[in-house]
Protein backbone atom coordinates (compact mmCIF):
# COMPACT_ATOMS: atom_id res chain seq x y z
CA MET A 1 0.10 0.10 0.20
CA ARG A 2 1.25 3.46 -0.95
CA ASP A 3 0.13 6.66 0.11
CA MET A 4 1.59 10.23 -1.15
CA LEU A 5 0.67 13.81 -0.27
CA HIS A 6 1.38 16.80 -2.17
CA LYS A 7 1.57 20.71 -0.57
CA THR A 8 2.41 23.73 -1.81
CA ARG A 9 2.34 26.94 0.19
CA GLU A 10 3.05 30.43 -0.20
CA VAL A 11 5.28 32.15 2.67
CA LEU A 12 6.50 35.67 3.50
CA LYS A 13 3.49 37.43 1.53
CA GLY A 14 4.39 35.43 -1.64
CA ARG A 15 8.32 35.72 -1.56
CA GLY A 16 8.79 32.18 -0.82
CA ARG A 17 7.28 29.03 -1.33
CA ILE A 18 7.36 25.44 0.59
CA ILE A 19 6.97 22.36 -1.40
CA LEU A 20 6.24 19.14 0.50
CA ILE A 21 5.63 15.55 -0.52
CA THR A 22 5.45 12.80 1.84
CA GLU A 23 5.23 8.91 1.12
CA HIS A 24 4.10 6.01 3.33
CA LYS A 25 4.77 2.82 1.60
CA GLU A 26 4.03 -0.45 3.36
CA ASP A 27 4.68 -4.16 1.89
CA ARG A 28 5.34 -7.41 2.88
CA ASP A 29 9.06 -7.08 4.23
CA SER A 30 9.15 -3.43 5.09
CA VAL A 31 7.18 0.17 5.92
CA SER A 32 9.09 3.50 4.44
CA ASP A 33 8.26 6.83 5.17
CA VAL A 34 9.87 9.43 2.79
CA ARG A 35 9.49 13.31 3.32
CA LYS A 36 10.88 15.72 0.85
CA GLU A 37 10.75 19.46 1.30
CA PHE A 38 11.73 22.33 -0.95
CA VAL A 39 11.89 26.16 0.53
CA TYR A 40 12.64 29.04 -1.74
CA VAL A 41 12.68 32.43 -0.76
CA THR A 42 13.48 35.06 -2.92
CA ARG A 43 14.39 38.95 -2.49
CA GLU A 44 15.60 41.81 -4.55
CA ALA A 45 19.37 42.44 -4.69
CA ASP A 46 21.11 45.42 -5.63
CA ARG A 47 24.27 43.37 -7.29
CA GLU A 48 25.65 40.09 -7.78
CA GLU A 49 27.88 38.97 -5.08
CA ALA A 50 30.07 35.62 -4.87
CA LEU A 51 28.05 33.05 -3.14
CA PRO A 52 29.49 30.49 -1.16
CA ALA A 53 29.55 26.64 -2.05
CA PRO A 54 26.11 25.05 -1.03
CA GLN A 55 25.95 23.23 2.32
CA VAL A 56 25.20 19.52 1.85
CA ARG A 57 24.42 17.74 5.18
CA ILE A 58 24.05 13.67 5.22
CA ASP A 59 23.25 11.84 8.39
CA LYS A 60 22.54 7.80 8.48
CA PHE A 61 21.52 5.91 11.60
CA TYR A 62 21.01 2.20 11.96
CA ASP A 63 18.87 1.09 14.94
CA SER A 64 19.45 -2.93 15.05
CA GLU A 65 17.49 -3.50 17.91
CA ASN A 66 14.36 -2.14 16.24
CA ARG A 67 15.16 -2.55 12.62
CA ASP A 68 14.96 1.19 11.74
CA GLU A 69 17.17 2.67 9.21
CA PHE A 70 17.61 6.43 9.16
CA PHE A 71 18.77 8.79 6.13
CA SER A 72 18.49 12.36 5.95
CA LEU A 73 19.93 14.95 3.38
CA ARG A 74 20.12 18.59 3.82
CA VAL A 75 21.40 21.19 0.77
CA LYS A 76 21.13 24.89 1.66
CA GLY A 77 22.56 27.42 -0.68
CA ALA A 78 21.42 30.57 -2.74
CA LEU A 79 21.42 31.79 -6.49
CA TYR A 80 21.09 34.66 -8.76
CA THR A 81 18.55 35.22 -11.51
CA TYR A 82 16.77 38.12 -13.28
CA ARG A 83 12.94 38.21 -13.27
CA HIS A 84 11.52 41.22 -15.14
CA ARG A 85 14.92 43.11 -15.50
CA ARG A 86 15.41 42.56 -11.75
CA LEU A 87 18.05 41.10 -10.32
CA MET A 88 16.76 38.83 -7.71
CA LYS A 89 18.81 35.89 -4.85
CA ILE A 90 17.04 33.14 -4.45
CA GLY A 91 17.77 31.41 -1.30
CA TYR A 92 16.98 27.68 -0.90
CA SER A 93 16.87 24.81 1.41
CA HIS A 94 16.41 20.99 0.07
CA HIS A 95 15.75 18.47 2.78
CA LEU A 96 15.06 14.41 1.93
CA LYS A 97 14.31 12.26 5.21
CA ILE A 98 13.83 8.57 4.86
CA ARG A 99 12.90 6.22 7.20
CA LEU A 100 12.69 2.30 6.72
CA HIS A 101 11.51 -0.26 9.48
CA TRP A 102 12.16 -3.88 8.52
CA LYS A 103 9.48 -6.28 9.55
CA SER A 104 11.59 -9.32 9.42
CA GLN A 105 14.87 -10.44 11.22
CA VAL A 106 16.67 -9.69 7.94
CA ALA A 107 17.34 -6.27 8.27
CA SER A 108 18.15 -4.94 4.81
CA PRO A 109 18.35 -7.04 1.39
CA LYS A 110 21.60 -7.67 -0.41
CA LYS A 111 23.20 -4.63 -1.89
CA SER A 112 22.07 -5.59 -5.42
CA VAL A 113 18.80 -4.80 -4.66
CA THR A 114 17.48 -1.30 -4.97
CA MET A 115 14.46 0.16 -3.15
CA ALA A 116 12.06 2.10 -5.26
């Protein structure tokens, strides 16, 4: 069984947008929860400055007692673009969270098997 939810919201009086996608999937061997979150905030910029490289953070955790696996990926950064002849700076944050719970005693399948 697979359940999906998609939400889009505007924030900061139209200057930003949040897109949220969640998925819950249950099959014979496992239960998975996937959450994807995309946040964008725009503002007008006077001039284009050098931007630092995007920040990437990856966390992975495995609980052998409860047979749970957690994975988290977050990317934060900014970019410049022109809109209606105005220079805009767009700050973004992308976040992916995955939780797997294995029902059987065999925790993960062999590495040649991919989870889709």
